[in-house]
N, C-alpha and C. Protein backbone atom coordinates (compact mmCIF):
# COMPACT_ATOMS: atom_id res chain seq x y z
N MET A 1 2.59 0.15 -43.10
CA MET A 1 2.80 -0.97 -41.94
C MET A 1 3.67 -0.22 -40.80
N ILE A 2 2.84 -0.20 -39.49
CA ILE A 2 3.78 0.40 -38.63
C ILE A 2 5.04 -0.44 -38.49
N PRO A 3 6.78 0.96 -37.67
CA PRO A 3 7.28 0.65 -38.19
C PRO A 3 7.87 0.29 -36.25
N PHE A 4 8.53 -1.39 -36.45
CA PHE A 4 8.42 -1.37 -34.67
C PHE A 4 10.09 -1.80 -34.65
N ILE A 5 10.23 -1.78 -32.90
CA ILE A 5 11.43 -1.27 -33.16
C ILE A 5 12.28 -2.37 -33.04
N SER A 6 10.79 -3.65 -32.88
CA SER A 6 12.30 -5.82 -32.63
C SER A 6 13.05 -5.16 -34.29
N ASN A 7 11.93 -4.25 -35.62
CA ASN A 7 13.04 -4.81 -37.32
C ASN A 7 14.27 -3.34 -36.90
N THR A 8 14.29 -2.90 -35.94
CA THR A 8 15.50 -2.52 -35.89
C THR A 8 16.52 -2.33 -35.30
N THR A 9 15.97 -3.26 -33.24
CA THR A 9 16.85 -2.59 -33.07
C THR A 9 16.93 -4.63 -32.03
N SER A 10 18.53 -4.03 -31.86
CA SER A 10 18.72 -5.88 -31.68
C SER A 10 18.37 -6.38 -30.32
N LYS A 11 18.74 -7.68 -30.16
CA LYS A 11 18.43 -7.72 -28.48
C LYS A 11 18.16 -7.67 -27.77
N PRO A 12 19.50 -7.93 -27.37
CA PRO A 12 20.00 -7.04 -25.74
C PRO A 12 19.29 -5.92 -25.59
N LYS A 13 19.77 -5.43 -26.36
CA LYS A 13 18.78 -3.38 -26.54
C LYS A 13 17.82 -3.85 -26.70
N GLN A 14 16.75 -4.72 -26.72
CA GLN A 14 15.42 -4.84 -26.52
C GLN A 14 15.07 -5.50 -25.51
N TYR A 15 16.15 -6.22 -24.54
CA TYR A 15 16.29 -6.48 -23.50
C TYR A 15 15.83 -5.88 -22.81
N LEU A 16 17.61 -4.41 -22.71
CA LEU A 16 17.81 -3.54 -21.89
C LEU A 16 16.23 -2.33 -21.68
N LEU A 17 15.50 -2.78 -23.07
CA LEU A 17 14.47 -1.42 -23.29
C LEU A 17 13.36 -2.04 -23.04
N VAL A 18 13.48 -3.09 -22.82
CA VAL A 18 11.84 -3.67 -21.80
C VAL A 18 12.39 -3.32 -20.20
N THR A 19 13.30 -4.45 -19.67
CA THR A 19 13.67 -4.22 -18.61
C THR A 19 13.93 -2.62 -17.92
N ALA A 20 14.13 -1.57 -18.53
CA ALA A 20 13.97 -0.11 -17.88
C ALA A 20 12.53 0.25 -18.02
N PHE A 21 11.75 0.02 -19.35
CA PHE A 21 10.52 0.77 -19.32
C PHE A 21 10.00 0.15 -18.60
N VAL A 22 9.93 -1.54 -17.98
CA VAL A 22 9.30 -2.15 -17.03
C VAL A 22 9.53 -1.22 -15.50
N LEU A 23 10.44 -0.94 -15.36
CA LEU A 23 11.16 -0.87 -13.87
C LEU A 23 10.52 0.63 -13.71
N LEU A 24 10.68 1.24 -15.31
CA LEU A 24 10.51 3.15 -14.92
C LEU A 24 8.96 3.06 -14.29
N VAL A 25 7.82 2.51 -15.24
CA VAL A 25 6.42 2.31 -15.08
C VAL A 25 6.55 2.00 -13.15
N SER A 26 7.46 1.67 -12.75
CA SER A 26 7.22 -0.19 -11.68
C SER A 26 7.52 1.47 -10.77
N ALA A 27 8.65 1.86 -10.76
CA ALA A 27 9.05 2.80 -9.79
C ALA A 27 8.10 4.35 -10.31
N ILE A 28 7.45 4.20 -10.95
CA ILE A 28 6.12 5.71 -10.38
C ILE A 28 5.18 4.65 -9.55
N CYS A 29 4.53 3.80 -10.15
CA CYS A 29 3.63 2.74 -9.45
C CYS A 29 4.12 3.22 -7.96
N PHE A 30 5.37 2.70 -7.67
CA PHE A 30 5.58 3.25 -6.19
C PHE A 30 5.67 4.15 -5.68
N VAL A 31 5.69 5.14 -6.44
CA VAL A 31 5.76 6.35 -5.92
C VAL A 31 4.48 7.05 -5.91
N LEU A 32 3.33 6.57 -6.68
CA LEU A 32 1.66 6.19 -6.34
C LEU A 32 0.42 5.95 -5.78
N SER A 33 2.00 4.28 -5.32
CA SER A 33 1.13 2.99 -4.66
C SER A 33 -0.45 3.72 -3.25
N GLY A 34 0.22 5.10 -2.73
CA GLY A 34 -0.48 5.42 -1.21
C GLY A 34 -1.61 5.82 -2.42
N PHE A 35 -1.81 6.00 -3.35
CA PHE A 35 -3.49 6.42 -4.16
C PHE A 35 -3.78 5.91 -4.90
N ILE A 36 -2.78 4.51 -5.78
CA ILE A 36 -3.34 4.01 -6.51
C ILE A 36 -3.61 2.90 -6.38
N GLY A 37 -2.82 2.32 -5.03
CA GLY A 37 -3.21 0.72 -4.54
C GLY A 37 -2.68 -0.14 -5.97
N TYR A 38 -2.30 -1.82 -4.75
CA TYR A 38 -2.06 -2.53 -5.22
C TYR A 38 -2.18 -2.71 -6.47
N ARG A 39 -3.35 -3.11 -6.67
CA ARG A 39 -4.30 -3.80 -7.61
C ARG A 39 -4.94 -2.94 -8.72
N VAL A 40 -4.70 -1.06 -8.78
CA VAL A 40 -5.05 -0.68 -9.85
C VAL A 40 -2.61 -0.67 -10.69
N THR A 41 -2.04 -1.27 -10.48
CA THR A 41 -0.83 -1.25 -10.34
C THR A 41 -0.75 -2.51 -11.14
N ALA A 42 -1.99 -3.61 -11.01
CA ALA A 42 -1.16 -4.49 -11.71
C ALA A 42 -2.09 -4.01 -12.97
N PHE A 43 -2.93 -3.39 -12.99
CA PHE A 43 -3.73 -2.73 -13.93
C PHE A 43 -2.20 -2.50 -15.44
N VAL A 44 -1.89 -1.03 -14.68
CA VAL A 44 -0.99 -0.18 -15.11
C VAL A 44 0.38 -1.04 -15.94
N LEU A 45 0.70 -2.39 -14.85
CA LEU A 45 2.01 -2.73 -15.77
C LEU A 45 1.24 -3.67 -16.19
N LEU A 46 -0.16 -4.23 -16.73
CA LEU A 46 -0.49 -4.66 -17.49
C LEU A 46 -0.89 -3.52 -19.06
N VAL A 47 -0.64 -2.87 -18.27
CA VAL A 47 -1.27 -2.23 -19.78
C VAL A 47 0.67 -2.04 -20.47
N THR A 48 1.28 -1.72 -19.22
CA THR A 48 2.78 -1.52 -19.52
C THR A 48 2.84 -2.41 -20.53
N VAL A 49 2.84 -3.89 -20.22
CA VAL A 49 3.55 -4.91 -21.01
C VAL A 49 2.67 -5.08 -22.95
N SER A 50 1.75 -5.30 -22.67
CA SER A 50 0.81 -4.56 -23.98
C SER A 50 1.04 -3.85 -24.37
N ILE A 51 1.50 -3.15 -23.90
CA ILE A 51 2.39 -1.96 -25.29
C ILE A 51 3.63 -2.22 -25.28
N ILE A 52 4.89 -2.98 -24.57
CA ILE A 52 5.78 -3.44 -24.48
C ILE A 52 5.34 -4.34 -26.23
N ALA A 53 4.33 -5.00 -25.13
CA ALA A 53 4.00 -6.04 -26.95
C ALA A 53 3.60 -6.17 -28.23
N MET A 54 3.62 -4.36 -28.51
CA MET A 54 2.92 -4.18 -30.24
C MET A 54 4.75 -3.83 -30.27
N LEU A 55 4.90 -3.44 -29.84
CA LEU A 55 6.85 -2.79 -30.14
C LEU A 55 8.25 -3.86 -29.94
N PHE A 56 8.00 -4.96 -29.27
CA PHE A 56 9.57 -6.10 -29.23
C PHE A 56 8.80 -7.40 -29.53
N ASP A 57 10.01 -7.91 -29.68
CA ASP A 57 9.78 -9.08 -30.49
C ASP A 57 9.34 -10.62 -29.25
N ILE A 58 9.20 -11.03 -29.50
CA ILE A 58 8.57 -12.21 -27.96
C ILE A 58 8.90 -12.51 -26.95
N LEU A 59 10.58 -12.91 -27.31
CA LEU A 59 11.25 -13.29 -26.25
C LEU A 59 12.10 -11.78 -24.82
N PRO A 60 11.58 -10.63 -24.74
CA PRO A 60 12.00 -9.95 -23.93
C PRO A 60 10.29 -9.23 -23.78
N VAL A 61 8.91 -9.54 -24.22
CA VAL A 61 8.11 -9.33 -23.58
C VAL A 61 7.53 -10.10 -22.84
N LEU A 62 8.02 -11.67 -23.24
CA LEU A 62 8.30 -12.65 -22.30
C LEU A 62 8.40 -11.73 -20.23
N LEU A 63 9.96 -11.63 -20.99
CA LEU A 63 11.19 -11.16 -19.63
C LEU A 63 9.59 -9.89 -18.95
N ALA A 64 9.61 -9.38 -19.97
CA ALA A 64 8.77 -8.14 -19.29
C ALA A 64 8.25 -8.72 -19.29
N ALA A 65 6.83 -9.33 -19.07
CA ALA A 65 6.10 -10.43 -18.10
C ALA A 65 6.28 -10.58 -16.54
N LEU A 66 7.13 -11.43 -16.96
CA LEU A 66 7.90 -12.28 -15.63
C LEU A 66 7.99 -11.51 -14.67
N LEU A 67 9.10 -10.12 -14.82
CA LEU A 67 9.91 -9.03 -14.36
C LEU A 67 9.19 -7.95 -13.58
N SER A 68 7.40 -7.94 -14.19
CA SER A 68 5.89 -7.80 -14.14
C SER A 68 5.99 -7.69 -12.90
N ALA A 69 5.34 -8.87 -13.15
CA ALA A 69 4.89 -10.33 -12.46
C ALA A 69 5.13 -9.87 -10.88
N LEU A 70 6.69 -10.61 -11.22
CA LEU A 70 7.56 -10.82 -9.17
C LEU A 70 7.98 -8.92 -8.75
N ILE A 71 7.36 -7.93 -9.21
CA ILE A 71 7.98 -5.92 -8.33
C ILE A 71 6.52 -6.03 -8.58
N TRP A 72 5.81 -6.61 -9.75
CA TRP A 72 4.56 -6.27 -8.76
C TRP A 72 3.90 -7.03 -7.01
N ASN A 73 4.57 -8.36 -7.35
CA ASN A 73 4.49 -8.92 -5.92
C ASN A 73 5.20 -9.10 -5.06
N PHE A 74 6.39 -8.28 -5.22
CA PHE A 74 7.58 -7.91 -4.73
C PHE A 74 6.82 -6.79 -3.60
N PHE A 75 7.01 -5.74 -4.42
CA PHE A 75 6.90 -4.26 -3.83
C PHE A 75 5.61 -4.24 -3.57
N PHE A 76 4.83 -4.56 -4.22
CA PHE A 76 2.97 -4.11 -4.51
C PHE A 76 2.00 -4.34 -3.34
N ILE A 77 1.90 -6.07 -3.65
CA ILE A 77 0.87 -7.04 -2.81
C ILE A 77 1.57 -7.23 -2.06
N PRO A 78 0.48 -7.10 -1.06
CA PRO A 78 1.03 -7.21 0.61
C PRO A 78 1.01 -8.67 1.32
N PRO A 79 1.93 -9.65 1.78
CA PRO A 79 3.16 -8.04 2.69
C PRO A 79 3.77 -8.00 1.40
N ARG A 80 4.01 -6.34 1.20
CA ARG A 80 4.81 -6.15 1.17
C ARG A 80 6.93 -5.95 1.20
N PHE A 81 7.28 -6.34 -0.03
CA PHE A 81 8.82 -6.68 0.69
C PHE A 81 9.04 -8.25 0.29
N THR A 82 8.75 -8.62 0.47
CA THR A 82 7.90 -10.32 -0.03
C THR A 82 8.03 -10.88 -1.06
N PHE A 83 7.85 -12.54 -1.36
CA PHE A 83 7.72 -13.03 -2.71
C PHE A 83 6.45 -13.51 -1.69
N HIS A 84 6.36 -13.45 -0.51
CA HIS A 84 4.84 -14.44 -0.12
C HIS A 84 3.36 -13.27 -0.03
N ILE A 85 2.58 -13.90 -0.10
CA ILE A 85 1.04 -13.72 -0.97
C ILE A 85 0.30 -14.64 0.28
N GLU A 86 -0.58 -13.71 1.07
CA GLU A 86 -1.50 -14.31 2.32
C GLU A 86 -2.07 -14.48 1.88
N LEU A 87 -3.26 -13.82 0.93
CA LEU A 87 -4.20 -13.96 1.01
C LEU A 87 -5.18 -14.61 -0.61
N THR A 88 -5.46 -15.83 -0.64
CA THR A 88 -5.86 -16.38 -2.08
C THR A 88 -6.20 -16.03 -2.55
N GLU A 89 -7.00 -14.53 -2.64
CA GLU A 89 -7.39 -13.87 -3.66
C GLU A 89 -6.14 -13.58 -4.38
N ASP A 90 -5.24 -12.55 -3.80
CA ASP A 90 -4.55 -12.08 -4.46
C ASP A 90 -3.68 -13.15 -5.01
N VAL A 91 -3.07 -14.08 -4.49
CA VAL A 91 -2.66 -15.61 -5.18
C VAL A 91 -3.54 -15.35 -6.65
N ILE A 92 -4.41 -15.69 -6.34
CA ILE A 92 -5.47 -15.79 -7.80
C ILE A 92 -5.32 -14.87 -8.79
N MET A 93 -5.22 -13.06 -8.24
CA MET A 93 -4.56 -12.52 -9.35
C MET A 93 -3.80 -12.33 -9.99
N PHE A 94 -2.61 -13.13 -8.90
CA PHE A 94 -0.85 -12.56 -9.76
C PHE A 94 -1.33 -13.74 -10.40
N LEU A 95 -1.03 -15.18 -10.60
CA LEU A 95 -1.56 -15.96 -11.13
C LEU A 95 -2.09 -15.77 -12.95
N MET A 96 -3.44 -14.92 -12.33
CA MET A 96 -3.55 -14.51 -13.59
C MET A 96 -3.55 -13.89 -14.20
N TYR A 97 -2.63 -12.35 -13.78
CA TYR A 97 -1.88 -10.97 -14.34
C TYR A 97 -0.74 -12.11 -14.86
N PHE A 98 -0.26 -12.98 -14.62
CA PHE A 98 1.21 -13.38 -15.63
C PHE A 98 0.71 -14.61 -16.68
N LEU A 99 -0.27 -15.24 -16.36
CA LEU A 99 -0.87 -16.10 -17.18
C LEU A 99 -1.71 -14.86 -18.29
N ILE A 100 -2.21 -13.68 -18.35
CA ILE A 100 -2.77 -12.45 -19.24
C ILE A 100 -1.90 -11.98 -20.04
N ALA A 101 -0.77 -12.12 -19.44
CA ALA A 101 0.61 -10.63 -19.63
C ALA A 101 0.60 -12.23 -20.41
N SER A 102 1.07 -13.27 -20.84
CA SER A 102 1.47 -14.29 -21.60
C SER A 102 1.60 -14.33 -22.59
N VAL A 103 -0.66 -14.41 -22.48
CA VAL A 103 -0.66 -14.84 -23.63
C VAL A 103 -1.11 -13.83 -24.48
N ASN A 104 -1.73 -12.38 -23.84
CA ASN A 104 -1.17 -11.09 -24.25
C ASN A 104 0.13 -11.02 -25.63
N ALA A 105 1.28 -11.43 -24.55
CA ALA A 105 3.02 -11.47 -25.44
C ALA A 105 2.41 -12.11 -26.29
N VAL A 106 2.52 -14.21 -26.20
CA VAL A 106 2.35 -14.59 -27.55
C VAL A 106 1.42 -13.51 -28.39
N LEU A 107 -0.18 -13.84 -28.21
CA LEU A 107 -1.41 -13.47 -29.18
C LEU A 107 -1.27 -11.93 -30.04
N THR A 108 -0.36 -11.50 -29.32
CA THR A 108 0.26 -10.24 -30.05
C THR A 108 1.10 -10.17 -31.14
N TYR A 109 2.49 -11.00 -30.70
CA TYR A 109 3.53 -11.58 -31.77
C TYR A 109 2.98 -12.49 -33.14
N LYS A 110 2.05 -13.60 -32.54
CA LYS A 110 1.10 -14.30 -33.99
C LYS A 110 0.78 -13.68 -34.38
N ILE A 111 0.36 -12.15 -34.48
CA ILE A 111 -1.06 -11.31 -34.69
C ILE A 111 0.35 -10.51 -35.94
N ARG A 112 1.58 -10.10 -35.28
CA ARG A 112 2.07 -8.87 -36.15
C ARG A 112 2.93 -10.78 -36.91
N GLN A 113 2.89 -11.66 -36.60
CA GLN A 113 3.76 -12.42 -37.85
C GLN A 113 2.69 -12.71 -38.84
N ILE A 114 1.90 -12.84 -38.77
CA ILE A 114 0.14 -13.48 -39.59
C ILE A 114 -0.10 -10.96 -40.31
N ALA A 115 0.18 -9.79 -39.71
CA ALA A 115 -0.07 -8.77 -40.63
C ALA A 115 1.47 -9.16 -41.65
N LYS A 116 3.08 -10.00 -41.12
CA LYS A 116 3.78 -9.41 -42.07
C LYS A 116 3.39 -10.49 -43.69
N ILE A 117 3.14 -11.59 -42.66
CA ILE A 117 2.75 -12.57 -43.89
C ILE A 117 1.73 -11.66 -45.16
N ALA A 118 0.99 -11.81 -43.95
CA ALA A 118 -0.59 -11.27 -44.82
C ALA A 118 0.43 -9.26 -46.53
N ASN A 119 0.96 -8.24 -45.67
CA ASN A 119 1.88 -7.56 -45.73
C ASN A 119 2.79 -7.88 -47.47
N LYS A 120 3.03 -8.93 -46.58
CA LYS A 120 4.65 -10.24 -48.33
C LYS A 120 3.57 -10.50 -49.20
N PHE A 121 2.62 -10.66 -49.21
CA PHE A 121 1.34 -11.52 -50.39
C PHE A 121 0.77 -9.85 -50.58
N SER A 122 0.51 -8.83 -49.67
CA SER A 122 -0.76 -8.29 -50.85
C SER A 122 0.96 -6.97 -51.35
N ARG A 123 2.52 -6.75 -51.64
CA ARG A 123 3.12 -6.57 -52.37
C ARG A 123 3.54 -8.15 -53.81
N TYR A 124 3.22 -9.28 -53.31
CA TYR A 124 3.62 -9.94 -53.96
C TYR A 124 2.42 -9.82 -55.25
N MET A 125 1.39 -9.85 -55.15
CA MET A 125 -0.29 -9.16 -55.85
C MET A 125 0.42 -8.20 -56.31
N HIS A 126 0.47 -7.25 -56.00
CA HIS A 126 0.66 -5.56 -56.61
C HIS A 126 1.98 -6.38 -57.65
N ASP A 127 2.64 -6.83 -57.52
CA ASP A 127 3.77 -6.83 -58.32
C ASP A 127 3.72 -7.97 -59.52
N LYS A 128 2.41 -8.81 -59.19
CA LYS A 128 1.73 -9.58 -60.50
C LYS A 128 1.51 -9.13 -60.99
N SER A 129 0.63 -8.21 -60.52
CA SER A 129 -0.10 -7.01 -61.92
C SER A 129 0.74 -6.17 -62.17
């Protein structure tokens, strides 16, 4: 089984690592935003949340989803540097982004929980035989 960071890292450190990772990816996207645009940035941030979901507990992942959505809105969606979204298409995209990031976090967490149970059951059956 893949060793997850959450197995060895305290909750406060997880929150710190998740925040730092989202901020780092956001900063890179900000530098490249003239080339990649704000819609591609959404996909990059969504992949970031997906990677985080594989490594950390659910609450830090939900923080990553919320933080990345707010950063995407403030720094990338026109008009930039506001939380106002003018186009209906962008409002829908923003809401879908947050929904997908949150669902991804919850489903990945549940899959990891099931994998832990299956692993314990497998060890139990192996020890029993």
